[in-house]
Amino acid sequence: MISRVSLSLAIGFCAVLAGCGDFNDGKTRSIIEANPVKLDAEQVVLTEAQVGCGVDKELWDPPAQAGSRTTAHLTQNGKDLKFDDDVSVKEAGYRSPYVQVRGTFPLSVIEISNTRDGSDNNTKFVETKIGIKIDHACFPDPLPVMGLKKGQFSEDFSPVLEFRYDGGWQLDKIVH
């Protein structure tokens, strides 16, 4: 018969070997914020004030309407900050302006909503509101990253991040 002490030691040893017990919201936040992350064509939400500041600081041209959509054309200054497409100022289905980014950015966790196990003990999926940090006066706060719902970016959904355990937990990718 196994004693309680032996059982506790065995469970503790499993947790150390498999990383089972060390994945929590604090650990998740630390991993996300520890190192800049490469983003490829993610959409971030802007405020009206940030759009105006971007015009004033010559990051993009003043907004112009084209059909049912209003956009602001990026300048080289905006591209230098890793904005990757014209700013969508007004578009059906979106409450806020947004812009695409591409490059490596420091991330900030705004809120962790849900953590679930992957198909094995070495994978976790975390639904979290994250923002990218851009070192510019127009963006004093992190810009929220949009999630995807049914193949379309939406400010109403949080991105899902995949974490993998390989000797320690690490952020693997944004899942879409």
C-alpha atoms as a PDB file:
ATOM      1  CA  MET A   1       0.000   0.000   0.000  1.00  0.00           C
ATOM      2  CA  ILE A   2       1.304   3.473  -0.934  1.00  0.00           C
ATOM      3  CA  SER A   3       1.546   5.924   1.903  1.00  0.00           C
ATOM      4  CA  ARG A   4       0.164   9.464   1.573  1.00  0.00           C
ATOM      5  CA  VAL A   5       3.693  10.866   1.709  1.00  0.00           C
ATOM      6  CA  SER A   6       4.838   8.611  -1.156  1.00  0.00           C
ATOM      7  CA  LEU A   7       1.767   9.540  -3.209  1.00  0.00           C
ATOM      8  CA  SER A   8       2.360  13.261  -2.617  1.00  0.00           C
ATOM      9  CA  LEU A   9       6.014  12.912  -3.603  1.00  0.00           C
ATOM     10  CA  ALA A  10       5.068  11.005  -6.765  1.00  0.00           C
ATOM     11  CA  ILE A  11       2.527  13.653  -7.779  1.00  0.00           C
ATOM     12  CA  GLY A  12       5.023  16.426  -7.046  1.00  0.00           C
ATOM     13  CA  PHE A  13       7.706  14.654  -9.087  1.00  0.00           C
ATOM     14  CA  CYS A  14       5.266  14.303 -12.020  1.00  0.00           C
ATOM     15  CA  ALA A  15       4.466  18.002 -11.842  1.00  0.00           C
ATOM     16  CA  VAL A  16       8.157  18.908 -11.929  1.00  0.00           C
ATOM     17  CA  LEU A  17       8.943  16.555 -14.821  1.00  0.00           C
ATOM     18  CA  ALA A  18       5.892  17.335 -16.943  1.00  0.00           C
ATOM     19  CA  GLY A  19       5.477  20.965 -16.044  1.00  0.00           C
ATOM     20  CA  CYS A  20       1.940  20.082 -14.971  1.00  0.00           C
ATOM     21  CA  GLY A  21       1.642  22.395 -12.018  1.00  0.00           C
ATOM     22  CA  ASP A  22       3.414  25.532 -13.140  1.00  0.00           C
ATOM     23  CA  PHE A  23       1.006  26.928 -15.738  1.00  0.00           C
ATOM     24  CA  ASN A  24      -1.205  29.650 -14.296  1.00  0.00           C
ATOM     25  CA  ASP A  25      -2.271  33.214 -15.150  1.00  0.00           C
ATOM     26  CA  GLY A  26       0.841  34.740 -13.576  1.00  0.00           C
ATOM     27  CA  LYS A  27       3.131  32.397 -15.495  1.00  0.00           C
ATOM     28  CA  THR A  28       1.163  33.033 -18.699  1.00  0.00           C
ATOM     29  CA  ARG A  29       1.502  36.806 -18.285  1.00  0.00           C
ATOM     30  CA  SER A  30       5.251  36.494 -17.610  1.00  0.00           C
ATOM     31  CA  ILE A  31       5.813  34.385 -20.713  1.00  0.00           C
ATOM     32  CA  ILE A  32       3.803  36.716 -22.965  1.00  0.00           C
ATOM     33  CA  GLU A  33       5.470  39.877 -21.686  1.00  0.00           C
ATOM     34  CA  ALA A  34       9.026  38.480 -21.376  1.00  0.00           C
ATOM     35  CA  ASN A  35      10.146  38.801 -24.994  1.00  0.00           C
ATOM     36  CA  PRO A  36       8.959  40.617 -28.114  1.00  0.00           C
ATOM     37  CA  VAL A  37       6.795  38.430 -30.363  1.00  0.00           C
ATOM     38  CA  LYS A  38       6.738  38.272 -34.156  1.00  0.00           C
ATOM     39  CA  LEU A  39       3.281  39.131 -35.474  1.00  0.00           C
ATOM     40  CA  ASP A  40       2.325  38.587 -39.061  1.00  0.00           C
ATOM     41  CA  ALA A  41      -0.689  40.535 -40.360  1.00  0.00           C
ATOM     42  CA  GLU A  42      -2.523  40.990 -37.053  1.00  0.00           C
ATOM     43  CA  GLN A  43      -5.143  43.733 -36.712  1.00  0.00           C
ATOM     44  CA  VAL A  44      -4.957  46.203 -33.816  1.00  0.00           C
ATOM     45  CA  VAL A  45      -7.635  48.600 -32.601  1.00  0.00           C
ATOM     46  CA  LEU A  46      -7.054  52.365 -32.594  1.00  0.00           C
ATOM     47  CA  THR A  47      -8.980  55.171 -30.938  1.00  0.00           C
ATOM     48  CA  GLU A  48     -10.221  58.244 -32.808  1.00  0.00           C
ATOM     49  CA  ALA A  49      -7.643  60.288 -30.850  1.00  0.00           C
ATOM     50  CA  GLN A  50      -4.848  57.972 -32.034  1.00  0.00           C
ATOM     51  CA  VAL A  51      -6.032  58.326 -35.629  1.00  0.00           C
ATOM     52  CA  GLY A  52      -5.929  62.132 -35.261  1.00  0.00           C
ATOM     53  CA  CYS A  53      -2.513  62.016 -33.623  1.00  0.00           C
ATOM     54  CA  GLY A  54      -1.241  59.790 -36.443  1.00  0.00           C
ATOM     55  CA  VAL A  55      -2.370  62.398 -38.965  1.00  0.00           C
ATOM     56  CA  ASP A  56      -0.710  65.192 -36.950  1.00  0.00           C
ATOM     57  CA  LYS A  57       2.542  63.212 -36.618  1.00  0.00           C
ATOM     58  CA  GLU A  58       2.453  62.252 -40.316  1.00  0.00           C
ATOM     59  CA  LEU A  59       2.119  58.514 -39.731  1.00  0.00           C
ATOM     60  CA  TRP A  60      -0.731  58.459 -42.249  1.00  0.00           C
ATOM     61  CA  ASP A  61      -2.638  60.884 -44.450  1.00  0.00           C
ATOM     62  CA  PRO A  62      -5.946  62.438 -43.376  1.00  0.00           C
ATOM     63  CA  PRO A  63      -8.829  59.954 -43.698  1.00  0.00           C
ATOM     64  CA  ALA A  64     -10.597  59.840 -47.062  1.00  0.00           C
ATOM     65  CA  GLN A  65     -13.837  58.091 -47.961  1.00  0.00           C
ATOM     66  CA  ALA A  66     -13.807  55.500 -50.732  1.00  0.00           C
ATOM     67  CA  GLY A  67     -17.269  54.027 -51.230  1.00  0.00           C
ATOM     68  CA  SER A  68     -18.617  52.811 -47.909  1.00  0.00           C
ATOM     69  CA  ARG A  69     -15.181  52.746 -46.283  1.00  0.00           C
ATOM     70  CA  THR A  70     -12.988  55.524 -44.861  1.00  0.00           C
ATOM     71  CA  THR A  71      -9.234  54.915 -44.788  1.00  0.00           C
ATOM     72  CA  ALA A  72      -6.045  56.810 -44.044  1.00  0.00           C
ATOM     73  CA  HIS A  73      -3.104  56.014 -46.316  1.00  0.00           C
ATOM     74  CA  LEU A  74       0.100  55.047 -44.464  1.00  0.00           C
ATOM     75  CA  THR A  75       3.194  57.183 -44.885  1.00  0.00           C
ATOM     76  CA  GLN A  76       6.756  55.924 -44.565  1.00  0.00           C
ATOM     77  CA  ASN A  77       6.741  57.134 -40.936  1.00  0.00           C
ATOM     78  CA  GLY A  78       3.819  54.794 -40.211  1.00  0.00           C
ATOM     79  CA  LYS A  79       5.493  51.923 -42.049  1.00  0.00           C
ATOM     80  CA  ASP A  80       8.640  52.513 -39.987  1.00  0.00           C
ATOM     81  CA  LEU A  81       6.545  51.758 -36.870  1.00  0.00           C
ATOM     82  CA  LYS A  82       5.586  48.400 -38.489  1.00  0.00           C
ATOM     83  CA  PHE A  83       2.062  49.373 -39.491  1.00  0.00           C
ATOM     84  CA  ASP A  84       1.501  47.310 -42.604  1.00  0.00           C
ATOM     85  CA  ASP A  85      -1.662  48.524 -44.309  1.00  0.00           C
ATOM     86  CA  ASP A  86      -3.733  51.676 -44.530  1.00  0.00           C
ATOM     87  CA  VAL A  87      -5.727  52.562 -41.422  1.00  0.00           C
ATOM     88  CA  SER A  88      -9.371  51.574 -41.685  1.00  0.00           C
ATOM     89  CA  VAL A  89     -11.070  54.524 -39.977  1.00  0.00           C
ATOM     90  CA  LYS A  90     -14.715  53.586 -40.673  1.00  0.00           C
ATOM     91  CA  GLU A  91     -15.924  50.299 -42.038  1.00  0.00           C
ATOM     92  CA  ALA A  92     -19.196  48.409 -41.797  1.00  0.00           C
ATOM     93  CA  GLY A  93     -19.061  45.822 -39.025  1.00  0.00           C
ATOM     94  CA  TYR A  94     -16.391  47.633 -36.974  1.00  0.00           C
ATOM     95  CA  ARG A  95     -16.991  50.122 -34.153  1.00  0.00           C
ATOM     96  CA  SER A  96     -13.414  51.361 -33.973  1.00  0.00           C
ATOM     97  CA  PRO A  97     -10.622  52.224 -36.370  1.00  0.00           C
ATOM     98  CA  TYR A  98      -8.029  49.521 -36.882  1.00  0.00           C
ATOM     99  CA  VAL A  99      -4.774  48.873 -38.696  1.00  0.00           C
ATOM    100  CA  GLN A 100      -2.697  45.843 -39.621  1.00  0.00           C
ATOM    101  CA  VAL A 101       0.749  45.349 -38.092  1.00  0.00           C
ATOM    102  CA  ARG A 102       3.628  43.126 -39.138  1.00  0.00           C
ATOM    103  CA  GLY A 103       6.858  42.691 -37.219  1.00  0.00           C
ATOM    104  CA  THR A 104       8.234  41.960 -33.776  1.00  0.00           C
ATOM    105  CA  PHE A 105       6.547  43.753 -30.872  1.00  0.00           C
ATOM    106  CA  PRO A 106       6.603  43.684 -27.084  1.00  0.00           C
ATOM    107  CA  LEU A 107       3.217  42.512 -25.846  1.00  0.00           C
ATOM    108  CA  SER A 108       1.196  43.476 -22.813  1.00  0.00           C
ATOM    109  CA  VAL A 109      -1.490  41.314 -21.227  1.00  0.00           C
ATOM    110  CA  ILE A 110      -4.725  43.211 -20.705  1.00  0.00           C
ATOM    111  CA  GLU A 111      -6.808  40.287 -19.444  1.00  0.00           C
ATOM    112  CA  ILE A 112      -6.638  36.487 -19.400  1.00  0.00           C
ATOM    113  CA  SER A 113     -10.093  35.068 -20.062  1.00  0.00           C
ATOM    114  CA  ASN A 114      -9.706  31.320 -20.381  1.00  0.00           C
ATOM    115  CA  THR A 115      -7.058  28.591 -20.324  1.00  0.00           C
ATOM    116  CA  ARG A 116      -7.685  25.126 -21.676  1.00  0.00           C
ATOM    117  CA  ASP A 117      -5.574  22.030 -22.213  1.00  0.00           C
ATOM    118  CA  GLY A 118      -4.478  21.015 -25.682  1.00  0.00           C
ATOM    119  CA  SER A 119      -4.653  17.500 -27.041  1.00  0.00           C
ATOM    120  CA  ASP A 120      -1.644  16.502 -24.936  1.00  0.00           C
ATOM    121  CA  ASN A 121       0.006  17.553 -21.657  1.00  0.00           C
ATOM    122  CA  ASN A 122       2.492  19.705 -23.568  1.00  0.00           C
ATOM    123  CA  THR A 123      -0.009  22.176 -25.059  1.00  0.00           C
ATOM    124  CA  LYS A 124      -2.232  24.874 -23.571  1.00  0.00           C
ATOM    125  CA  PHE A 125      -4.526  27.376 -25.286  1.00  0.00           C
ATOM    126  CA  VAL A 126      -5.080  30.748 -23.636  1.00  0.00           C
ATOM    127  CA  GLU A 127      -7.774  33.211 -24.659  1.00  0.00           C
ATOM    128  CA  THR A 128      -6.374  36.586 -23.689  1.00  0.00           C
ATOM    129  CA  LYS A 129      -6.723  40.237 -24.503  1.00  0.00           C
ATOM    130  CA  ILE A 130      -3.255  41.402 -25.464  1.00  0.00           C
ATOM    131  CA  GLY A 131      -1.902  44.660 -26.754  1.00  0.00           C
ATOM    132  CA  ILE A 132       1.200  45.601 -28.690  1.00  0.00           C
ATOM    133  CA  LYS A 133       3.491  48.292 -27.373  1.00  0.00           C
ATOM    134  CA  ILE A 134       4.673  50.929 -29.835  1.00  0.00           C
ATOM    135  CA  ASP A 135       7.216  53.465 -28.663  1.00  0.00           C
ATOM    136  CA  HIS A 136       5.551  56.608 -30.014  1.00  0.00           C
ATOM    137  CA  ALA A 137       3.735  59.569 -28.428  1.00  0.00           C
ATOM    138  CA  CYS A 138       0.472  58.676 -30.229  1.00  0.00           C
ATOM    139  CA  PHE A 139       0.339  55.272 -28.525  1.00  0.00           C
ATOM    140  CA  PRO A 140       0.945  55.648 -24.785  1.00  0.00           C
ATOM    141  CA  ASP A 141      -1.121  52.510 -24.104  1.00  0.00           C
ATOM    142  CA  PRO A 142      -0.791  49.092 -25.774  1.00  0.00           C
ATOM    143  CA  LEU A 143      -2.923  48.704 -28.931  1.00  0.00           C
ATOM    144  CA  PRO A 144      -5.413  45.823 -28.467  1.00  0.00           C
ATOM    145  CA  VAL A 145      -4.982  42.897 -30.871  1.00  0.00           C
ATOM    146  CA  MET A 146      -8.208  41.639 -32.496  1.00  0.00           C
ATOM    147  CA  GLY A 147      -9.226  38.011 -32.356  1.00  0.00           C
ATOM    148  CA  LEU A 148     -10.748  36.035 -35.199  1.00  0.00           C
ATOM    149  CA  LYS A 149     -14.301  34.764 -35.408  1.00  0.00           C
ATOM    150  CA  LYS A 150     -15.433  32.733 -38.418  1.00  0.00           C
ATOM    151  CA  GLY A 151     -12.412  33.871 -40.404  1.00  0.00           C
ATOM    152  CA  GLN A 152     -12.928  37.591 -39.772  1.00  0.00           C
ATOM    153  CA  PHE A 153     -11.052  39.865 -37.381  1.00  0.00           C
ATOM    154  CA  SER A 154     -13.281  41.238 -34.650  1.00  0.00           C
ATOM    155  CA  GLU A 155     -12.715  43.590 -31.756  1.00  0.00           C
ATOM    156  CA  ASP A 156     -15.329  41.545 -29.865  1.00  0.00           C
ATOM    157  CA  PHE A 157     -13.125  38.452 -29.660  1.00  0.00           C
ATOM    158  CA  SER A 158      -9.792  37.893 -27.965  1.00  0.00           C
ATOM    159  CA  PRO A 159      -6.876  36.157 -29.647  1.00  0.00           C
ATOM    160  CA  VAL A 160      -6.090  32.592 -28.622  1.00  0.00           C
ATOM    161  CA  LEU A 161      -2.436  31.894 -27.894  1.00  0.00           C
ATOM    162  CA  GLU A 162      -0.916  28.438 -28.062  1.00  0.00           C
ATOM    163  CA  PHE A 163       1.718  27.535 -25.476  1.00  0.00           C
ATOM    164  CA  ARG A 164       3.992  24.519 -25.686  1.00  0.00           C
ATOM    165  CA  TYR A 165       5.979  22.779 -22.984  1.00  0.00           C
ATOM    166  CA  ASP A 166       9.520  21.933 -24.080  1.00  0.00           C
ATOM    167  CA  GLY A 167      11.613  21.924 -20.924  1.00  0.00           C
ATOM    168  CA  GLY A 168       9.533  24.957 -19.869  1.00  0.00           C
ATOM    169  CA  TRP A 169       6.397  26.692 -21.093  1.00  0.00           C
ATOM    170  CA  GLN A 170       6.801  28.997 -24.096  1.00  0.00           C
ATOM    171  CA  LEU A 171       4.496  30.961 -26.362  1.00  0.00           C
ATOM    172  CA  ASP A 172       4.301  29.067 -29.647  1.00  0.00           C
ATOM    173  CA  LYS A 173       1.875  31.099 -31.791  1.00  0.00           C
ATOM    174  CA  ILE A 174      -1.373  32.979 -32.132  1.00  0.00           C
ATOM    175  CA  VAL A 175      -4.000  30.514 -33.275  1.00  0.00           C
ATOM    176  CA  HIS A 176      -6.564  31.570 -35.879  1.00  0.00           C
END
